[in-house]
């Protein structure tokens, strides 16, 4: 903990919910968080948000700041992986085991899907997957894992998406 005892170590945050973390860190400043948790993994562009890794390659914590750089919200995030596909009106990620999800970028370049090509293997950082149909997520960050092509996409999933009118 810090000398003033305000900020818990990030390793203690691993087993806490976003709500529990918010109660512990409400109104703490950005610099106090960074003093204990270190430099953030990144920040969605044009936002007052820091993304912190709980452990390398694992879950993440999004810390939102108000205009005075004080904590005003916290969310626990996790990574999803799949193949990218540009739909007629939305971006789609084909998950290996669980079908597909419609993806919306939260903000900024780090979550932009414009640089991905159909079939690229990507990972997206999300808070939860809405159990609607289609499943939907907001991505805080998107990263390329490996380049791919249309040939890498699951043909059965593509046919299903065509029948639904999501792709040509």
N, C-alpha and C. Protein backbone atom coordinates (compact mmCIF):
# COMPACT_ATOMS: atom_id res chain seq x y z
N UNK A 1 0.83 -1.18 0.00
CA UNK A 1 0.00 0.00 0.00
C UNK A 1 0.88 1.24 0.00
N UNK A 2 0.26 2.35 -0.37
CA UNK A 2 1.01 3.60 -0.38
C UNK A 2 1.25 4.04 1.05
N UNK A 3 2.10 5.04 1.21
CA UNK A 3 2.39 5.55 2.54
C UNK A 3 1.11 6.01 3.24
N UNK A 4 0.20 6.59 2.47
CA UNK A 4 -1.04 7.05 3.09
C UNK A 4 -2.09 5.93 3.14
N UNK A 5 -1.78 4.74 2.57
CA UNK A 5 -2.65 3.58 2.69
C UNK A 5 -3.93 3.64 1.88
N UNK A 6 -3.97 4.45 0.83
CA UNK A 6 -5.22 4.61 0.07
C UNK A 6 -5.42 3.54 -1.00
N UNK A 7 -4.36 3.11 -1.65
CA UNK A 7 -4.49 2.24 -2.82
C UNK A 7 -4.02 0.83 -2.50
N UNK A 8 -4.89 -0.15 -2.76
CA UNK A 8 -4.52 -1.54 -2.54
C UNK A 8 -3.63 -2.03 -3.68
N UNK A 9 -2.78 -3.01 -3.44
CA UNK A 9 -1.98 -3.57 -4.54
C UNK A 9 -2.88 -4.19 -5.60
N UNK A 10 -2.45 -4.12 -6.86
CA UNK A 10 -3.28 -4.64 -7.94
C UNK A 10 -3.51 -6.14 -7.80
N UNK A 11 -2.56 -6.85 -7.20
CA UNK A 11 -2.75 -8.29 -7.01
C UNK A 11 -3.94 -8.58 -6.08
N UNK A 12 -4.24 -7.68 -5.17
CA UNK A 12 -5.41 -7.84 -4.29
C UNK A 12 -6.70 -7.59 -5.06
N UNK A 13 -6.61 -6.87 -6.17
CA UNK A 13 -7.80 -6.53 -6.95
C UNK A 13 -8.31 -7.72 -7.76
N UNK A 14 -7.46 -8.72 -7.96
CA UNK A 14 -7.81 -9.85 -8.82
C UNK A 14 -9.10 -10.55 -8.39
N UNK A 15 -9.31 -10.72 -7.11
CA UNK A 15 -10.48 -11.45 -6.62
C UNK A 15 -11.63 -10.54 -6.19
N UNK A 16 -11.56 -9.29 -6.58
CA UNK A 16 -12.61 -8.34 -6.22
C UNK A 16 -13.46 -8.01 -7.45
N UNK A 17 -14.72 -7.69 -7.23
CA UNK A 17 -15.57 -7.23 -8.32
C UNK A 17 -15.24 -5.78 -8.63
N UNK A 18 -15.70 -5.30 -9.78
CA UNK A 18 -15.51 -3.90 -10.13
C UNK A 18 -16.16 -2.99 -9.10
N UNK A 19 -17.32 -3.39 -8.59
CA UNK A 19 -18.02 -2.58 -7.57
C UNK A 19 -17.23 -2.51 -6.28
N UNK A 20 -16.65 -3.63 -5.86
CA UNK A 20 -15.84 -3.64 -4.63
C UNK A 20 -14.61 -2.74 -4.80
N UNK A 21 -13.98 -2.83 -5.97
CA UNK A 21 -12.81 -2.00 -6.24
C UNK A 21 -13.18 -0.52 -6.23
N UNK A 22 -14.32 -0.22 -6.84
CA UNK A 22 -14.74 1.18 -6.88
C UNK A 22 -14.94 1.74 -5.47
N UNK A 23 -15.52 0.95 -4.59
CA UNK A 23 -15.72 1.40 -3.20
C UNK A 23 -14.38 1.66 -2.52
N UNK A 24 -13.37 0.85 -2.83
CA UNK A 24 -12.03 1.03 -2.22
C UNK A 24 -11.28 2.22 -2.81
N UNK A 25 -11.52 2.49 -4.09
CA UNK A 25 -10.69 3.48 -4.79
C UNK A 25 -11.44 4.74 -5.22
N UNK A 26 -12.69 4.86 -4.85
CA UNK A 26 -13.49 6.02 -5.22
C UNK A 26 -12.79 7.31 -4.83
N UNK A 27 -12.67 8.21 -5.80
CA UNK A 27 -12.14 9.55 -5.58
C UNK A 27 -10.62 9.60 -5.38
N UNK A 28 -9.93 8.50 -5.59
CA UNK A 28 -8.46 8.48 -5.54
C UNK A 28 -7.96 9.10 -6.85
N UNK A 29 -6.81 9.76 -6.81
CA UNK A 29 -6.31 10.41 -8.02
C UNK A 29 -5.59 9.42 -8.94
N UNK A 30 -5.52 9.81 -10.19
CA UNK A 30 -4.82 9.04 -11.22
C UNK A 30 -3.37 8.79 -10.80
N UNK A 31 -2.68 9.79 -10.32
CA UNK A 31 -1.27 9.63 -9.95
C UNK A 31 -1.11 8.68 -8.76
N UNK A 32 -2.05 8.67 -7.83
CA UNK A 32 -1.97 7.74 -6.70
C UNK A 32 -2.15 6.30 -7.17
N UNK A 33 -3.06 6.08 -8.12
CA UNK A 33 -3.25 4.74 -8.68
C UNK A 33 -1.97 4.30 -9.39
N UNK A 34 -1.42 5.17 -10.24
CA UNK A 34 -0.22 4.81 -11.00
C UNK A 34 1.00 4.62 -10.09
N UNK A 35 1.07 5.36 -8.99
CA UNK A 35 2.19 5.18 -8.05
C UNK A 35 2.24 3.75 -7.51
N UNK A 36 1.07 3.13 -7.30
CA UNK A 36 1.02 1.78 -6.74
C UNK A 36 0.92 0.72 -7.83
N UNK A 37 0.11 0.95 -8.86
CA UNK A 37 -0.14 -0.07 -9.88
C UNK A 37 0.83 0.03 -11.06
N UNK A 38 1.63 1.08 -11.13
CA UNK A 38 2.57 1.25 -12.22
C UNK A 38 1.93 1.90 -13.43
N UNK A 39 2.68 1.95 -14.51
CA UNK A 39 2.16 2.56 -15.74
C UNK A 39 1.06 1.67 -16.31
N UNK A 40 0.02 2.27 -16.86
CA UNK A 40 -1.06 1.47 -17.43
C UNK A 40 -0.62 0.72 -18.68
N UNK A 41 -1.34 -0.34 -18.99
CA UNK A 41 -1.14 -1.13 -20.21
C UNK A 41 -1.43 -0.27 -21.42
N UNK A 42 -2.38 0.63 -21.27
CA UNK A 42 -2.77 1.54 -22.34
C UNK A 42 -4.01 2.30 -21.93
N UNK A 43 -4.48 3.11 -22.84
CA UNK A 43 -5.68 3.89 -22.63
C UNK A 43 -6.42 4.01 -23.95
N UNK A 44 -7.73 3.76 -23.96
CA UNK A 44 -8.46 4.05 -25.20
C UNK A 44 -8.27 5.54 -25.53
N UNK A 45 -7.96 5.84 -26.78
CA UNK A 45 -7.72 7.22 -27.20
C UNK A 45 -8.95 8.08 -26.93
N UNK A 46 -8.73 9.34 -26.64
CA UNK A 46 -9.81 10.30 -26.38
C UNK A 46 -10.67 9.91 -25.19
N UNK A 47 -10.07 9.29 -24.18
CA UNK A 47 -10.84 8.95 -22.99
C UNK A 47 -10.01 9.24 -21.75
N UNK A 48 -10.68 9.34 -20.64
CA UNK A 48 -10.02 9.50 -19.34
C UNK A 48 -10.02 8.14 -18.65
N UNK A 49 -9.42 7.16 -19.31
CA UNK A 49 -9.43 5.78 -18.83
C UNK A 49 -8.03 5.20 -18.90
N UNK A 50 -7.63 4.48 -17.86
CA UNK A 50 -6.39 3.70 -17.88
C UNK A 50 -6.76 2.23 -17.85
N UNK A 51 -6.01 1.42 -18.58
CA UNK A 51 -6.17 -0.03 -18.56
C UNK A 51 -4.96 -0.62 -17.86
N UNK A 52 -5.19 -1.42 -16.82
CA UNK A 52 -4.11 -2.03 -16.05
C UNK A 52 -4.23 -3.55 -16.14
N UNK A 53 -3.08 -4.22 -16.36
CA UNK A 53 -3.04 -5.68 -16.35
C UNK A 53 -3.00 -6.17 -14.91
N UNK A 54 -3.88 -7.10 -14.56
CA UNK A 54 -3.83 -7.71 -13.23
C UNK A 54 -2.62 -8.64 -13.18
N UNK A 55 -2.43 -9.40 -14.25
CA UNK A 55 -1.22 -10.21 -14.42
C UNK A 55 -0.93 -10.24 -15.91
N UNK A 56 0.33 -10.40 -16.31
CA UNK A 56 0.67 -10.34 -17.72
C UNK A 56 -0.18 -11.29 -18.57
N UNK A 57 -0.80 -10.74 -19.62
CA UNK A 57 -1.63 -11.53 -20.53
C UNK A 57 -2.99 -11.92 -19.99
N UNK A 58 -3.29 -11.54 -18.76
CA UNK A 58 -4.54 -11.95 -18.12
C UNK A 58 -5.58 -10.85 -18.10
N UNK A 59 -6.47 -10.95 -17.11
CA UNK A 59 -7.55 -9.99 -16.97
C UNK A 59 -7.00 -8.58 -16.81
N UNK A 60 -7.87 -7.62 -17.11
CA UNK A 60 -7.49 -6.21 -17.04
C UNK A 60 -8.50 -5.46 -16.18
N UNK A 61 -8.10 -4.30 -15.74
CA UNK A 61 -8.98 -3.41 -15.00
C UNK A 61 -8.99 -2.07 -15.71
N UNK A 62 -10.19 -1.57 -16.03
CA UNK A 62 -10.34 -0.24 -16.61
C UNK A 62 -10.68 0.71 -15.47
N UNK A 63 -9.89 1.76 -15.34
CA UNK A 63 -10.13 2.78 -14.31
C UNK A 63 -10.52 4.07 -15.03
N UNK A 64 -11.70 4.58 -14.72
CA UNK A 64 -12.22 5.79 -15.34
C UNK A 64 -12.01 6.96 -14.39
N UNK A 65 -11.60 8.11 -14.96
CA UNK A 65 -11.33 9.30 -14.16
C UNK A 65 -12.27 10.43 -14.56
N UNK A 66 -12.62 11.25 -13.58
CA UNK A 66 -13.43 12.44 -13.86
C UNK A 66 -12.51 13.55 -14.36
N UNK A 67 -13.04 14.73 -14.71
CA UNK A 67 -12.19 15.82 -15.22
C UNK A 67 -11.10 16.28 -14.23
N UNK A 68 -11.23 15.96 -12.95
CA UNK A 68 -10.21 16.33 -11.97
C UNK A 68 -9.23 15.18 -11.73
N UNK A 69 -9.25 14.16 -12.62
CA UNK A 69 -8.36 12.99 -12.54
C UNK A 69 -8.55 12.16 -11.28
N UNK A 70 -9.78 12.10 -10.79
CA UNK A 70 -10.11 11.24 -9.66
C UNK A 70 -10.93 10.06 -10.16
N UNK A 71 -10.74 8.89 -9.54
CA UNK A 71 -11.47 7.69 -9.95
C UNK A 71 -12.97 7.93 -9.85
N UNK A 72 -13.68 7.62 -10.94
CA UNK A 72 -15.14 7.76 -10.94
C UNK A 72 -15.82 6.48 -11.42
N UNK A 73 -15.02 5.44 -11.71
CA UNK A 73 -15.60 4.16 -12.11
C UNK A 73 -14.51 3.14 -12.38
N UNK A 74 -14.85 1.86 -12.18
CA UNK A 74 -13.91 0.77 -12.41
C UNK A 74 -14.67 -0.40 -13.01
N UNK A 75 -14.06 -1.04 -14.00
CA UNK A 75 -14.65 -2.23 -14.61
C UNK A 75 -13.58 -3.31 -14.73
N UNK A 76 -13.97 -4.55 -14.50
CA UNK A 76 -13.08 -5.69 -14.72
C UNK A 76 -13.30 -6.15 -16.17
N UNK A 77 -12.21 -6.41 -16.88
CA UNK A 77 -12.26 -6.76 -18.30
C UNK A 77 -11.53 -8.08 -18.55
N UNK A 78 -11.87 -8.73 -19.67
CA UNK A 78 -11.18 -9.96 -20.06
C UNK A 78 -11.02 -9.98 -21.58
N UNK A 79 -10.12 -10.84 -22.05
CA UNK A 79 -9.81 -10.96 -23.47
C UNK A 79 -10.64 -12.06 -24.12
N UNK A 80 -11.12 -11.83 -25.34
CA UNK A 80 -11.76 -12.84 -26.20
C UNK A 80 -10.92 -12.92 -27.47
N UNK A 81 -10.80 -14.12 -28.03
CA UNK A 81 -10.05 -14.29 -29.27
C UNK A 81 -10.95 -14.88 -30.34
N UNK A 82 -10.65 -14.55 -31.58
CA UNK A 82 -11.39 -15.11 -32.70
C UNK A 82 -10.89 -14.55 -34.01
N UNK A 83 -11.61 -14.86 -35.07
CA UNK A 83 -11.28 -14.37 -36.41
C UNK A 83 -12.17 -13.18 -36.75
N UNK A 84 -11.57 -12.16 -37.31
CA UNK A 84 -12.28 -10.94 -37.66
C UNK A 84 -13.03 -11.12 -38.99
N UNK A 85 -14.20 -10.50 -39.08
CA UNK A 85 -14.99 -10.46 -40.32
C UNK A 85 -15.73 -9.12 -40.36
N UNK A 86 -15.59 -8.40 -41.48
CA UNK A 86 -16.31 -7.14 -41.66
C UNK A 86 -17.69 -7.48 -42.21
N UNK A 87 -18.73 -7.15 -41.45
CA UNK A 87 -20.09 -7.41 -41.89
C UNK A 87 -20.64 -6.25 -42.70
N UNK A 88 -21.91 -6.36 -43.12
CA UNK A 88 -22.54 -5.29 -43.90
C UNK A 88 -22.61 -3.99 -43.10
N UNK A 89 -22.98 -4.09 -41.84
CA UNK A 89 -23.15 -2.87 -41.04
C UNK A 89 -22.43 -2.92 -39.70
N UNK A 90 -21.63 -3.96 -39.46
CA UNK A 90 -20.93 -4.04 -38.18
C UNK A 90 -19.70 -4.93 -38.32
N UNK A 91 -18.84 -4.85 -37.30
CA UNK A 91 -17.69 -5.73 -37.22
C UNK A 91 -18.11 -6.98 -36.46
N UNK A 92 -17.59 -8.13 -36.90
CA UNK A 92 -17.97 -9.41 -36.31
C UNK A 92 -16.70 -10.16 -35.94
N UNK A 93 -16.71 -10.84 -34.80
CA UNK A 93 -15.62 -11.72 -34.42
C UNK A 93 -16.19 -13.13 -34.35
N UNK A 94 -15.61 -14.03 -35.12
CA UNK A 94 -16.02 -15.43 -35.10
C UNK A 94 -15.23 -16.14 -34.01
N UNK A 95 -15.91 -16.50 -32.95
CA UNK A 95 -15.26 -17.19 -31.84
C UNK A 95 -15.09 -18.65 -32.20
N UNK A 96 -14.02 -19.26 -31.74
CA UNK A 96 -13.73 -20.65 -32.12
C UNK A 96 -14.81 -21.61 -31.63
N UNK A 97 -15.26 -21.45 -30.40
CA UNK A 97 -16.18 -22.43 -29.82
C UNK A 97 -17.61 -21.93 -29.71
N UNK A 98 -17.81 -20.64 -29.54
CA UNK A 98 -19.12 -20.13 -29.17
C UNK A 98 -19.79 -19.27 -30.23
N UNK A 99 -19.66 -19.61 -31.49
CA UNK A 99 -20.36 -18.85 -32.52
C UNK A 99 -19.67 -17.56 -32.88
N UNK A 100 -20.43 -16.46 -32.84
CA UNK A 100 -19.89 -15.17 -33.27
C UNK A 100 -20.52 -14.07 -32.44
N UNK A 101 -19.84 -12.93 -32.42
CA UNK A 101 -20.32 -11.77 -31.68
C UNK A 101 -20.20 -10.53 -32.55
N UNK A 102 -21.12 -9.62 -32.36
CA UNK A 102 -21.07 -8.32 -33.03
C UNK A 102 -20.30 -7.39 -32.11
N UNK A 103 -19.32 -6.67 -32.66
CA UNK A 103 -18.40 -5.88 -31.85
C UNK A 103 -18.52 -4.40 -32.18
N UNK A 104 -18.56 -3.57 -31.14
CA UNK A 104 -18.52 -2.13 -31.28
C UNK A 104 -17.32 -1.62 -30.51
N UNK A 105 -16.54 -0.75 -31.12
CA UNK A 105 -15.39 -0.15 -30.44
C UNK A 105 -15.88 0.90 -29.46
N UNK A 106 -15.29 0.90 -28.26
CA UNK A 106 -15.65 1.91 -27.26
C UNK A 106 -15.22 3.29 -27.73
N UNK A 107 -13.94 3.45 -28.09
CA UNK A 107 -13.46 4.72 -28.63
C UNK A 107 -12.01 4.59 -29.06
N UNK A 108 -11.61 5.46 -29.95
CA UNK A 108 -10.20 5.63 -30.27
C UNK A 108 -9.59 4.60 -31.21
N UNK A 109 -8.34 4.87 -31.57
CA UNK A 109 -7.61 4.05 -32.51
C UNK A 109 -7.33 2.65 -32.00
N UNK A 110 -7.08 2.50 -30.70
CA UNK A 110 -6.72 1.19 -30.17
C UNK A 110 -7.86 0.19 -30.30
N UNK A 111 -9.08 0.67 -30.45
CA UNK A 111 -10.20 -0.25 -30.59
C UNK A 111 -10.78 -0.18 -32.00
N UNK A 112 -10.10 0.50 -32.90
CA UNK A 112 -10.58 0.59 -34.27
C UNK A 112 -10.34 -0.74 -34.98
N UNK A 113 -11.30 -1.14 -35.79
CA UNK A 113 -11.17 -2.38 -36.53
C UNK A 113 -10.78 -2.14 -37.99
N UNK A 114 -10.53 -0.88 -38.35
CA UNK A 114 -10.23 -0.52 -39.73
C UNK A 114 -8.98 -1.16 -40.29
N UNK A 115 -8.03 -1.54 -39.46
CA UNK A 115 -6.78 -2.11 -39.95
C UNK A 115 -6.85 -3.63 -40.11
N UNK A 116 -7.93 -4.27 -39.65
CA UNK A 116 -8.04 -5.72 -39.75
C UNK A 116 -8.64 -6.14 -41.07
N UNK A 117 -8.21 -7.29 -41.55
CA UNK A 117 -8.74 -7.90 -42.77
C UNK A 117 -9.53 -9.14 -42.39
N UNK A 118 -10.48 -9.52 -43.23
CA UNK A 118 -11.25 -10.73 -42.99
C UNK A 118 -10.31 -11.91 -42.77
N UNK A 119 -10.55 -12.65 -41.69
CA UNK A 119 -9.75 -13.82 -41.37
C UNK A 119 -8.61 -13.58 -40.41
N UNK A 120 -8.27 -12.32 -40.14
CA UNK A 120 -7.21 -12.04 -39.16
C UNK A 120 -7.62 -12.59 -37.79
N UNK A 121 -6.65 -13.19 -37.09
CA UNK A 121 -6.91 -13.63 -35.72
C UNK A 121 -6.64 -12.43 -34.83
N UNK A 122 -7.66 -12.06 -34.04
CA UNK A 122 -7.53 -10.89 -33.16
C UNK A 122 -7.96 -11.27 -31.76
N UNK A 123 -7.64 -10.39 -30.84
CA UNK A 123 -8.19 -10.49 -29.49
C UNK A 123 -8.76 -9.14 -29.13
N UNK A 124 -9.88 -9.18 -28.40
CA UNK A 124 -10.54 -7.94 -28.01
C UNK A 124 -10.73 -7.95 -26.50
N UNK A 125 -10.61 -6.79 -25.91
CA UNK A 125 -10.75 -6.62 -24.47
C UNK A 125 -12.17 -6.13 -24.19
N UNK A 126 -12.94 -6.93 -23.43
CA UNK A 126 -14.35 -6.65 -23.20
C UNK A 126 -14.70 -6.76 -21.72
N UNK A 127 -15.82 -6.15 -21.35
CA UNK A 127 -16.31 -6.26 -19.97
C UNK A 127 -17.22 -7.48 -19.83
N UNK A 128 -18.11 -7.65 -20.78
CA UNK A 128 -19.02 -8.79 -20.77
C UNK A 128 -19.56 -8.99 -22.18
N UNK A 129 -20.18 -10.15 -22.38
CA UNK A 129 -20.80 -10.45 -23.66
C UNK A 129 -22.30 -10.47 -23.43
N UNK A 130 -23.02 -9.57 -24.10
CA UNK A 130 -24.47 -9.50 -23.94
C UNK A 130 -25.09 -10.77 -24.51
N UNK A 131 -25.99 -11.35 -23.77
CA UNK A 131 -26.62 -12.60 -24.19
C UNK A 131 -27.81 -12.35 -25.10
N UNK A 132 -27.69 -11.36 -25.94
CA UNK A 132 -28.74 -11.06 -26.91
C UNK A 132 -28.46 -11.90 -28.16
N UNK A 133 -29.31 -11.77 -29.15
CA UNK A 133 -29.01 -12.42 -30.42
C UNK A 133 -29.03 -11.36 -31.51
N UNK A 134 -27.95 -11.03 -32.10
CA UNK A 134 -26.65 -11.67 -31.90
C UNK A 134 -26.00 -11.23 -30.60
N UNK A 135 -25.07 -12.03 -30.10
CA UNK A 135 -24.30 -11.61 -28.93
C UNK A 135 -23.55 -10.35 -29.30
N UNK A 136 -23.47 -9.41 -28.37
CA UNK A 136 -22.83 -8.14 -28.65
C UNK A 136 -21.85 -7.77 -27.55
N UNK A 137 -20.78 -7.08 -27.94
CA UNK A 137 -19.79 -6.60 -26.98
C UNK A 137 -19.32 -5.21 -27.38
N UNK A 138 -18.82 -4.49 -26.39
CA UNK A 138 -18.08 -3.25 -26.63
C UNK A 138 -16.63 -3.57 -26.34
N UNK A 139 -15.76 -3.31 -27.29
CA UNK A 139 -14.34 -3.60 -27.13
C UNK A 139 -13.60 -2.36 -26.66
N UNK A 140 -12.84 -2.50 -25.58
CA UNK A 140 -12.02 -1.42 -25.06
C UNK A 140 -10.69 -1.35 -25.82
N UNK A 141 -10.28 -2.48 -26.37
CA UNK A 141 -9.01 -2.56 -27.08
C UNK A 141 -9.09 -3.75 -28.03
N UNK A 142 -8.44 -3.65 -29.17
CA UNK A 142 -8.38 -4.75 -30.13
C UNK A 142 -6.95 -4.89 -30.62
N UNK A 143 -6.46 -6.12 -30.66
CA UNK A 143 -5.08 -6.36 -31.07
C UNK A 143 -5.02 -7.49 -32.09
N UNK A 144 -4.12 -7.34 -33.04
CA UNK A 144 -3.87 -8.38 -34.03
C UNK A 144 -2.99 -9.46 -33.41
N UNK A 145 -3.42 -10.72 -33.54
CA UNK A 145 -2.58 -11.84 -33.09
C UNK A 145 -1.79 -12.38 -34.27
N UNK A 146 -2.50 -12.62 -35.41
CA UNK A 146 -1.82 -13.06 -36.62
C UNK A 146 -2.65 -12.69 -37.83
N UNK A 147 -1.97 -12.42 -38.92
CA UNK A 147 -2.67 -12.13 -40.17
C UNK A 147 -3.38 -13.39 -40.65
N UNK A 148 -4.49 -13.19 -41.31
CA UNK A 148 -5.25 -14.31 -41.85
C UNK A 148 -5.87 -13.92 -43.17
N UNK A 149 -6.74 -14.77 -43.67
CA UNK A 149 -7.44 -14.49 -44.91
C UNK A 149 -8.86 -15.04 -44.79
N UNK A 150 -9.64 -14.76 -45.80
CA UNK A 150 -11.03 -15.24 -45.83
C UNK A 150 -11.07 -16.76 -45.73
N UNK A 151 -10.05 -17.43 -46.24
CA UNK A 151 -9.98 -18.90 -46.18
C UNK A 151 -9.87 -19.43 -44.76
N UNK A 152 -9.45 -18.60 -43.81
CA UNK A 152 -9.34 -19.02 -42.42
C UNK A 152 -10.67 -19.01 -41.67
N UNK A 153 -11.72 -18.47 -42.30
CA UNK A 153 -13.02 -18.35 -41.63
C UNK A 153 -13.82 -19.65 -41.74
N UNK A 154 -14.55 -19.96 -40.68
CA UNK A 154 -15.38 -21.16 -40.62
C UNK A 154 -16.52 -21.06 -41.63
N UNK A 155 -16.56 -21.99 -42.58
CA UNK A 155 -17.56 -21.94 -43.67
C UNK A 155 -18.99 -22.07 -43.16
N UNK A 156 -19.24 -22.89 -42.14
CA UNK A 156 -20.59 -23.04 -41.58
C UNK A 156 -21.06 -21.74 -40.93
N UNK A 157 -20.17 -21.06 -40.21
CA UNK A 157 -20.53 -19.79 -39.59
C UNK A 157 -20.80 -18.73 -40.66
N UNK A 158 -20.00 -18.75 -41.73
CA UNK A 158 -20.21 -17.79 -42.81
C UNK A 158 -21.58 -18.00 -43.47
N UNK A 159 -21.94 -19.24 -43.70
CA UNK A 159 -23.25 -19.55 -44.31
C UNK A 159 -24.39 -19.08 -43.41
N UNK A 160 -24.24 -19.30 -42.12
CA UNK A 160 -25.25 -18.85 -41.16
C UNK A 160 -25.38 -17.32 -41.19
N UNK A 161 -24.25 -16.62 -41.25
CA UNK A 161 -24.27 -15.16 -41.29
C UNK A 161 -24.87 -14.64 -42.60
N UNK A 162 -24.63 -15.35 -43.70
CA UNK A 162 -25.25 -14.98 -44.98
C UNK A 162 -26.77 -15.12 -44.90
N UNK A 163 -27.24 -16.22 -44.32
CA UNK A 163 -28.68 -16.46 -44.18
C UNK A 163 -29.34 -15.38 -43.33
N UNK A 164 -28.61 -14.89 -42.33
CA UNK A 164 -29.12 -13.82 -41.47
C UNK A 164 -29.06 -12.45 -42.13
N UNK A 165 -28.34 -12.34 -43.24
CA UNK A 165 -28.21 -11.07 -43.94
C UNK A 165 -27.11 -10.17 -43.39
N UNK A 166 -26.21 -10.70 -42.59
CA UNK A 166 -25.15 -9.90 -42.00
C UNK A 166 -23.99 -9.69 -42.96
N UNK A 167 -23.80 -10.65 -43.88
CA UNK A 167 -22.71 -10.53 -44.85
C UNK A 167 -23.26 -10.84 -46.24
N UNK A 168 -22.53 -10.45 -47.28
CA UNK A 168 -22.93 -10.71 -48.67
C UNK A 168 -22.60 -12.12 -49.06
